C-alpha atoms as a PDB file:
ATOM      1  CA  UNK A   1       0.000   0.000   0.000  1.00  0.00           C
ATOM      2  CA  UNK A   2       1.184   3.504  -0.740  1.00  0.00           C
ATOM      3  CA  UNK A   3      -0.153   5.076   2.479  1.00  0.00           C
ATOM      4  CA  UNK A   4      -2.225   7.740   0.713  1.00  0.00           C
ATOM      5  CA  UNK A   5      -5.671   8.432   2.058  1.00  0.00           C
ATOM      6  CA  UNK A   6      -8.779   9.211   0.062  1.00  0.00           C
ATOM      7  CA  UNK A   7      -9.094  12.838   1.191  1.00  0.00           C
ATOM      8  CA  UNK A   8     -10.777  15.909  -0.278  1.00  0.00           C
ATOM      9  CA  UNK A   9     -10.195  19.532   0.667  1.00  0.00           C
ATOM     10  CA  UNK A  10     -13.378  21.451   1.462  1.00  0.00           C
ATOM     11  CA  UNK A  11     -14.237  24.808   3.007  1.00  0.00           C
ATOM     12  CA  UNK A  12     -16.888  25.033   5.695  1.00  0.00           C
ATOM     13  CA  UNK A  13     -18.608  28.194   6.871  1.00  0.00           C
ATOM     14  CA  UNK A  14     -19.743  27.937  10.499  1.00  0.00           C
ATOM     15  CA  UNK A  15     -20.652  30.270  13.326  1.00  0.00           C
ATOM     16  CA  UNK A  16     -18.085  31.328  15.904  1.00  0.00           C
ATOM     17  CA  UNK A  17     -19.749  29.097  18.477  1.00  0.00           C
ATOM     18  CA  UNK A  18     -19.558  26.054  16.196  1.00  0.00           C
ATOM     19  CA  UNK A  19     -15.892  26.761  15.432  1.00  0.00           C
ATOM     20  CA  UNK A  20     -15.191  26.991  19.154  1.00  0.00           C
ATOM     21  CA  UNK A  21     -17.005  23.714  19.789  1.00  0.00           C
ATOM     22  CA  UNK A  22     -15.160  21.972  16.941  1.00  0.00           C
ATOM     23  CA  UNK A  23     -11.856  23.095  18.448  1.00  0.00           C
ATOM     24  CA  UNK A  24     -12.975  21.907  21.869  1.00  0.00           C
ATOM     25  CA  UNK A  25     -14.014  18.492  20.515  1.00  0.00           C
ATOM     26  CA  UNK A  26     -10.734  18.199  18.615  1.00  0.00           C
ATOM     27  CA  UNK A  27      -8.788  18.866  21.801  1.00  0.00           C
ATOM     28  CA  UNK A  28     -10.878  16.364  23.763  1.00  0.00           C
ATOM     29  CA  UNK A  29     -10.365  13.629  21.154  1.00  0.00           C
ATOM     30  CA  UNK A  30      -6.711  14.434  20.552  1.00  0.00           C
ATOM     31  CA  UNK A  31      -7.198  15.473  16.928  1.00  0.00           C
ATOM     32  CA  UNK A  32      -4.962  18.090  15.359  1.00  0.00           C
ATOM     33  CA  UNK A  33      -7.593  19.587  13.069  1.00  0.00           C
ATOM     34  CA  UNK A  34     -11.280  20.435  12.995  1.00  0.00           C
ATOM     35  CA  UNK A  35     -11.671  18.342   9.857  1.00  0.00           C
ATOM     36  CA  UNK A  36     -11.114  15.141  11.807  1.00  0.00           C
ATOM     37  CA  UNK A  37     -13.969  16.090  14.129  1.00  0.00           C
ATOM     38  CA  UNK A  38     -16.267  16.805  11.188  1.00  0.00           C
ATOM     39  CA  UNK A  39     -15.298  13.482   9.620  1.00  0.00           C
ATOM     40  CA  UNK A  40     -16.040  11.599  12.829  1.00  0.00           C
ATOM     41  CA  UNK A  41     -19.381  13.352  13.362  1.00  0.00           C
ATOM     42  CA  UNK A  42     -20.501  12.615   9.803  1.00  0.00           C
ATOM     43  CA  UNK A  43     -19.401   8.986  10.064  1.00  0.00           C
ATOM     44  CA  UNK A  44     -21.310   8.521  13.338  1.00  0.00           C
ATOM     45  CA  UNK A  45     -24.428  10.188  11.927  1.00  0.00           C
ATOM     46  CA  UNK A  46     -24.391   7.991   8.814  1.00  0.00           C
ATOM     47  CA  UNK A  47     -24.096   4.878  10.969  1.00  0.00           C
ATOM     48  CA  UNK A  48     -27.010   6.116  13.043  1.00  0.00           C
ATOM     49  CA  UNK A  49     -29.159   6.794   9.980  1.00  0.00           C
ATOM     50  CA  UNK A  50     -28.325   3.468   8.358  1.00  0.00           C
ATOM     51  CA  UNK A  51     -28.761   1.596  11.602  1.00  0.00           C
ATOM     52  CA  UNK A  52     -25.282   0.139  11.259  1.00  0.00           C
ATOM     53  CA  UNK A  53     -26.537  -2.190   8.504  1.00  0.00           C
ATOM     54  CA  UNK A  54     -23.347  -2.056   6.471  1.00  0.00           C
ATOM     55  CA  UNK A  55     -21.175  -2.674   9.526  1.00  0.00           C
ATOM     56  CA  UNK A  56     -23.321  -5.646  10.563  1.00  0.00           C
ATOM     57  CA  UNK A  57     -23.069  -7.174   7.081  1.00  0.00           C
ATOM     58  CA  UNK A  58     -19.273  -6.976   7.183  1.00  0.00           C
ATOM     59  CA  UNK A  59     -19.148  -8.836  10.505  1.00  0.00           C
ATOM     60  CA  UNK A  60     -21.192 -11.821   9.247  1.00  0.00           C
END
């Protein structure tokens, strides 16, 4: 494997309060950037919406 990740650069416009909370969550989780927090939140939300169906299929 070449070690490259499938990443895309995006810009996000948020309120000052949301930016503060993203920084706070990043610090709590040990992430260096806000983008990692956004990625984690989106991943968790998609699992919640899908009911974890894809994850359950991979385990069987």
